[in-house]
Structure formats: C-alpha cells, structure tokens
Amino acid sequence: MKIIISTKNISLDDALRVFVENKIGGLGKFIKDPDDLIEVRVEIGKPSRHHRSGNIFYAEANMKIGGKLLRADFKHLDLRTAIVQVRDELQRQIEKFKGKRGR
C-alpha cells in the first residue's frame, strides 16, 4: 500500500506522519488480494488560516483499489480524531466493496 500525505495550512512533523501511516496503513489487513494496486492519498490540515470559530481540522482520504475509488473526509476540533474517523469510514467502504466483489 502506497500512502501519500499532503498538508494544508499546517506542518507535518514525524509524529503526525507516523500516526497517519499507522492508522491508514492498518487498512491493508482488510484487503487480502495481492493483485490489487492500492494507493491512498491523504490530505490533512485546516480549511483556512483565519477560521472564526477556532481551530477546525480536516482529514480527507482517496483510496484507489484496482479501478475503484473510495473517498472519505471528516472535520473535527482534533486532527487525530478526524484521521481516525476517516479510517473508520474507509474501512466500512472496503467491507462494502468486498461484499459486492464476492457476488
């Protein structure tokens, strides 16, 4: 699984990079087909530098499995919570995708 991380209006430190790679990379266990080429593009950050209601973070992920695109995004006051919610949504989509493939 190839994970590409980009940021917007924040800096990516090593701890945050490892967190994203562990959470999103953990989705690989739900995909057992080695022939599938998997690429995940993750974007994390703040929608703007001047948000009036405080720090609001977002996480967005686009996962390509073969020819299928799975997408999830989430906004939250805590960046790590947003990342976990995106992972959970992608996991639900993967399970749904696998169910359709098995038919």
N, C-alpha and C. Protein backbone atom coordinates (compact mmCIF):
# COMPACT_ATOMS: atom_id res chain seq x y z
N MET A 1 0.84 -1.17 0.00
CA MET A 1 0.00 0.00 0.00
C MET A 1 0.89 1.24 0.00
N LYS A 2 0.60 2.11 -0.93
CA LYS A 2 1.35 3.36 -1.05
C LYS A 2 0.53 4.48 -0.44
N ILE A 3 1.09 5.19 0.55
CA ILE A 3 0.39 6.27 1.22
C ILE A 3 1.09 7.58 0.90
N ILE A 4 0.35 8.53 0.34
CA ILE A 4 0.88 9.85 0.01
C ILE A 4 0.17 10.86 0.92
N ILE A 5 0.95 11.57 1.72
CA ILE A 5 0.39 12.51 2.69
C ILE A 5 0.70 13.93 2.25
N SER A 6 -0.33 14.76 2.23
CA SER A 6 -0.13 16.18 1.96
C SER A 6 -0.84 16.98 3.05
N THR A 7 -0.39 18.23 3.25
CA THR A 7 -0.95 19.06 4.30
C THR A 7 -1.40 20.40 3.72
N LYS A 8 -2.29 21.05 4.46
CA LYS A 8 -2.75 22.38 4.08
C LYS A 8 -2.82 23.23 5.36
N ASN A 9 -2.08 24.32 5.38
CA ASN A 9 -2.07 25.28 6.48
C ASN A 9 -1.56 24.72 7.81
N ILE A 10 -0.89 23.57 7.78
CA ILE A 10 -0.21 23.03 8.96
C ILE A 10 1.10 22.42 8.51
N SER A 11 1.98 22.13 9.47
CA SER A 11 3.24 21.45 9.12
C SER A 11 3.14 19.99 9.55
N LEU A 12 3.77 19.14 8.79
CA LEU A 12 3.74 17.70 9.04
C LEU A 12 5.00 17.31 9.79
N ASP A 13 4.87 16.98 11.07
CA ASP A 13 6.02 16.52 11.84
C ASP A 13 6.07 14.99 11.80
N ASP A 14 7.16 14.43 12.33
CA ASP A 14 7.34 12.98 12.26
C ASP A 14 6.26 12.21 13.02
N ALA A 15 5.86 12.72 14.19
CA ALA A 15 4.84 12.03 14.98
C ALA A 15 3.51 11.96 14.24
N LEU A 16 3.15 13.03 13.59
CA LEU A 16 1.89 13.05 12.83
C LEU A 16 1.97 12.15 11.61
N ARG A 17 3.12 12.14 10.95
CA ARG A 17 3.31 11.25 9.79
C ARG A 17 3.18 9.79 10.21
N VAL A 18 3.80 9.42 11.31
CA VAL A 18 3.73 8.04 11.80
C VAL A 18 2.29 7.68 12.18
N PHE A 19 1.57 8.61 12.82
CA PHE A 19 0.19 8.37 13.19
C PHE A 19 -0.67 8.09 11.96
N VAL A 20 -0.54 8.91 10.94
CA VAL A 20 -1.32 8.72 9.71
C VAL A 20 -0.94 7.40 9.05
N GLU A 21 0.33 7.10 8.96
CA GLU A 21 0.76 5.86 8.32
C GLU A 21 0.26 4.64 9.07
N ASN A 22 0.25 4.69 10.41
CA ASN A 22 -0.24 3.56 11.20
C ASN A 22 -1.75 3.38 11.04
N LYS A 23 -2.50 4.48 11.12
CA LYS A 23 -3.96 4.37 11.04
C LYS A 23 -4.41 3.99 9.63
N ILE A 24 -3.94 4.69 8.63
CA ILE A 24 -4.38 4.41 7.26
C ILE A 24 -3.73 3.12 6.75
N GLY A 25 -2.48 2.89 7.09
CA GLY A 25 -1.79 1.68 6.67
C GLY A 25 -2.41 0.42 7.25
N GLY A 26 -3.07 0.54 8.39
CA GLY A 26 -3.74 -0.59 9.00
C GLY A 26 -4.90 -1.12 8.18
N LEU A 27 -5.37 -0.34 7.23
CA LEU A 27 -6.46 -0.79 6.36
C LEU A 27 -6.02 -1.90 5.42
N GLY A 28 -4.72 -2.06 5.25
CA GLY A 28 -4.20 -3.09 4.36
C GLY A 28 -4.60 -4.49 4.77
N LYS A 29 -4.87 -4.70 6.06
CA LYS A 29 -5.26 -6.04 6.51
C LYS A 29 -6.65 -6.43 6.04
N PHE A 30 -7.46 -5.45 5.63
CA PHE A 30 -8.80 -5.75 5.13
C PHE A 30 -8.79 -6.09 3.64
N ILE A 31 -7.67 -5.86 2.99
CA ILE A 31 -7.54 -6.13 1.56
C ILE A 31 -6.51 -7.24 1.40
N LYS A 32 -6.98 -8.41 1.09
CA LYS A 32 -6.09 -9.57 1.06
C LYS A 32 -5.62 -9.93 -0.34
N ASP A 33 -6.14 -9.27 -1.34
CA ASP A 33 -5.79 -9.59 -2.72
C ASP A 33 -4.49 -8.90 -3.10
N PRO A 34 -3.40 -9.65 -3.26
CA PRO A 34 -2.11 -9.01 -3.59
C PRO A 34 -2.06 -8.42 -4.99
N ASP A 35 -3.00 -8.81 -5.86
CA ASP A 35 -3.00 -8.27 -7.22
C ASP A 35 -3.54 -6.84 -7.27
N ASP A 36 -4.25 -6.42 -6.23
CA ASP A 36 -4.79 -5.06 -6.20
C ASP A 36 -3.67 -4.06 -5.92
N LEU A 37 -3.56 -3.08 -6.78
CA LEU A 37 -2.62 -1.98 -6.56
C LEU A 37 -3.35 -0.93 -5.75
N ILE A 38 -2.83 -0.64 -4.58
CA ILE A 38 -3.54 0.26 -3.66
C ILE A 38 -2.72 1.52 -3.47
N GLU A 39 -3.36 2.65 -3.70
CA GLU A 39 -2.75 3.95 -3.46
C GLU A 39 -3.73 4.78 -2.64
N VAL A 40 -3.21 5.37 -1.57
CA VAL A 40 -4.05 6.20 -0.71
C VAL A 40 -3.44 7.60 -0.67
N ARG A 41 -4.23 8.59 -1.02
CA ARG A 41 -3.81 9.99 -0.91
C ARG A 41 -4.55 10.60 0.28
N VAL A 42 -3.77 11.05 1.26
CA VAL A 42 -4.34 11.61 2.48
C VAL A 42 -3.97 13.09 2.53
N GLU A 43 -4.97 13.93 2.75
CA GLU A 43 -4.72 15.35 2.94
C GLU A 43 -5.26 15.73 4.32
N ILE A 44 -4.41 16.39 5.11
CA ILE A 44 -4.81 16.83 6.45
C ILE A 44 -4.49 18.31 6.59
N GLY A 45 -5.23 18.98 7.44
CA GLY A 45 -4.92 20.39 7.64
C GLY A 45 -6.08 21.18 8.18
N LYS A 46 -5.98 22.49 8.02
CA LYS A 46 -7.02 23.43 8.40
C LYS A 46 -7.64 23.98 7.12
N PRO A 47 -8.96 24.17 7.11
CA PRO A 47 -9.59 24.72 5.91
C PRO A 47 -9.07 26.11 5.56
N SER A 48 -8.77 26.92 6.58
CA SER A 48 -8.22 28.25 6.33
C SER A 48 -7.39 28.67 7.54
N ARG A 49 -6.58 29.68 7.35
CA ARG A 49 -5.76 30.17 8.46
C ARG A 49 -6.54 31.07 9.40
N HIS A 50 -7.66 31.60 8.94
CA HIS A 50 -8.40 32.60 9.71
C HIS A 50 -9.82 32.13 10.01
N HIS A 51 -9.95 30.94 10.54
CA HIS A 51 -11.28 30.41 10.85
C HIS A 51 -11.80 31.08 12.11
N ARG A 52 -13.00 31.59 12.08
CA ARG A 52 -13.53 32.38 13.19
C ARG A 52 -13.91 31.55 14.40
N SER A 53 -14.29 30.32 14.24
CA SER A 53 -14.76 29.52 15.37
C SER A 53 -13.66 28.65 15.98
N GLY A 54 -12.42 29.05 15.88
CA GLY A 54 -11.32 28.30 16.48
C GLY A 54 -10.67 27.36 15.48
N ASN A 55 -9.82 26.53 16.00
CA ASN A 55 -9.10 25.56 15.16
C ASN A 55 -10.02 24.41 14.78
N ILE A 56 -10.31 24.31 13.51
CA ILE A 56 -11.05 23.17 12.98
C ILE A 56 -10.14 22.49 11.97
N PHE A 57 -9.95 21.21 12.16
CA PHE A 57 -9.07 20.43 11.30
C PHE A 57 -9.90 19.51 10.42
N TYR A 58 -9.30 19.07 9.33
CA TYR A 58 -9.97 18.10 8.47
C TYR A 58 -8.97 17.06 8.01
N ALA A 59 -9.52 15.91 7.69
CA ALA A 59 -8.74 14.83 7.09
C ALA A 59 -9.55 14.30 5.93
N GLU A 60 -8.88 14.04 4.83
CA GLU A 60 -9.53 13.54 3.62
C GLU A 60 -8.65 12.45 3.04
N ALA A 61 -9.27 11.37 2.59
CA ALA A 61 -8.50 10.28 2.01
C ALA A 61 -9.19 9.78 0.74
N ASN A 62 -8.40 9.54 -0.28
CA ASN A 62 -8.86 8.95 -1.53
C ASN A 62 -8.06 7.67 -1.73
N MET A 63 -8.75 6.53 -1.76
CA MET A 63 -8.09 5.24 -1.88
C MET A 63 -8.47 4.61 -3.21
N LYS A 64 -7.46 4.23 -3.98
CA LYS A 64 -7.69 3.54 -5.24
C LYS A 64 -7.37 2.07 -5.05
N ILE A 65 -8.38 1.25 -5.26
CA ILE A 65 -8.20 -0.21 -5.20
C ILE A 65 -8.54 -0.72 -6.59
N GLY A 66 -7.53 -1.12 -7.32
CA GLY A 66 -7.77 -1.52 -8.70
C GLY A 66 -8.30 -0.33 -9.48
N GLY A 67 -9.52 -0.42 -9.99
CA GLY A 67 -10.12 0.67 -10.73
C GLY A 67 -11.16 1.44 -9.92
N LYS A 68 -11.34 1.09 -8.66
CA LYS A 68 -12.37 1.70 -7.82
C LYS A 68 -11.77 2.77 -6.92
N LEU A 69 -12.50 3.88 -6.75
CA LEU A 69 -12.06 4.98 -5.89
C LEU A 69 -12.96 5.04 -4.67
N LEU A 70 -12.36 4.93 -3.48
CA LEU A 70 -13.08 5.08 -2.23
C LEU A 70 -12.64 6.41 -1.62
N ARG A 71 -13.61 7.18 -1.09
CA ARG A 71 -13.29 8.52 -0.60
C ARG A 71 -13.97 8.76 0.73
N ALA A 72 -13.24 9.41 1.65
CA ALA A 72 -13.80 9.77 2.95
C ALA A 72 -13.19 11.09 3.39
N ASP A 73 -14.01 11.92 4.06
CA ASP A 73 -13.49 13.14 4.66
C ASP A 73 -14.26 13.43 5.93
N PHE A 74 -13.60 14.14 6.85
CA PHE A 74 -14.18 14.41 8.15
C PHE A 74 -13.55 15.66 8.73
N LYS A 75 -14.35 16.48 9.40
CA LYS A 75 -13.87 17.68 10.08
C LYS A 75 -14.09 17.52 11.58
N HIS A 76 -13.13 18.02 12.38
CA HIS A 76 -13.25 17.91 13.83
C HIS A 76 -12.33 18.93 14.49
N LEU A 77 -12.56 19.18 15.76
CA LEU A 77 -11.68 20.08 16.52
C LEU A 77 -10.32 19.46 16.77
N ASP A 78 -10.25 18.13 16.75
CA ASP A 78 -9.00 17.40 16.97
C ASP A 78 -8.59 16.72 15.67
N LEU A 79 -7.38 16.98 15.22
CA LEU A 79 -6.91 16.42 13.95
C LEU A 79 -6.83 14.90 13.99
N ARG A 80 -6.35 14.36 15.09
CA ARG A 80 -6.20 12.90 15.20
C ARG A 80 -7.56 12.20 15.17
N THR A 81 -8.56 12.81 15.77
CA THR A 81 -9.91 12.25 15.73
C THR A 81 -10.44 12.25 14.30
N ALA A 82 -10.17 13.30 13.56
CA ALA A 82 -10.60 13.37 12.17
C ALA A 82 -9.94 12.25 11.35
N ILE A 83 -8.66 11.99 11.62
CA ILE A 83 -7.94 10.93 10.90
C ILE A 83 -8.54 9.56 11.22
N VAL A 84 -8.85 9.32 12.49
CA VAL A 84 -9.45 8.04 12.90
C VAL A 84 -10.83 7.87 12.27
N GLN A 85 -11.62 8.93 12.21
CA GLN A 85 -12.95 8.85 11.60
C GLN A 85 -12.85 8.54 10.10
N VAL A 86 -11.87 9.12 9.43
CA VAL A 86 -11.66 8.84 8.01
C VAL A 86 -11.28 7.38 7.83
N ARG A 87 -10.41 6.87 8.69
CA ARG A 87 -10.03 5.46 8.61
C ARG A 87 -11.25 4.56 8.79
N ASP A 88 -12.09 4.87 9.78
CA ASP A 88 -13.28 4.06 10.02
C ASP A 88 -14.23 4.06 8.82
N GLU A 89 -14.40 5.23 8.21
CA GLU A 89 -15.27 5.32 7.03
C GLU A 89 -14.70 4.52 5.86
N LEU A 90 -13.39 4.61 5.65
CA LEU A 90 -12.77 3.82 4.57
C LEU A 90 -12.91 2.33 4.84
N GLN A 91 -12.79 1.94 6.10
CA GLN A 91 -12.95 0.53 6.46
C GLN A 91 -14.35 0.04 6.11
N ARG A 92 -15.38 0.84 6.41
CA ARG A 92 -16.75 0.47 6.06
C ARG A 92 -16.91 0.35 4.54
N GLN A 93 -16.31 1.27 3.81
CA GLN A 93 -16.41 1.23 2.35
C GLN A 93 -15.69 0.02 1.77
N ILE A 94 -14.54 -0.33 2.35
CA ILE A 94 -13.79 -1.50 1.88
C ILE A 94 -14.61 -2.77 2.09
N GLU A 95 -15.23 -2.89 3.27
CA GLU A 95 -16.04 -4.07 3.55
C GLU A 95 -17.23 -4.16 2.61
N LYS A 96 -17.85 -3.03 2.29
CA LYS A 96 -18.96 -3.00 1.35
C LYS A 96 -18.47 -3.37 -0.05
N PHE A 97 -17.32 -2.85 -0.45
CA PHE A 97 -16.73 -3.14 -1.75
C PHE A 97 -16.40 -4.63 -1.88
N LYS A 98 -15.84 -5.20 -0.83
CA LYS A 98 -15.50 -6.63 -0.86
C LYS A 98 -16.74 -7.49 -0.96
N GLY A 99 -17.83 -7.04 -0.30
CA GLY A 99 -19.08 -7.79 -0.38
C GLY A 99 -19.64 -7.80 -1.79
N LYS A 100 -19.54 -6.70 -2.48
CA LYS A 100 -20.04 -6.62 -3.85
C LYS A 100 -19.16 -7.43 -4.79
N ARG A 101 -17.87 -7.47 -4.52
CA ARG A 101 -16.94 -8.20 -5.38
C ARG A 101 -17.14 -9.70 -5.29
N GLY A 102 -17.54 -10.16 -4.11
CA GLY A 102 -17.69 -11.60 -3.89
C GLY A 102 -18.91 -12.20 -4.58
N ARG A 103 -19.82 -11.39 -5.03
CA ARG A 103 -21.05 -11.90 -5.66
C ARG A 103 -20.82 -12.42 -7.04
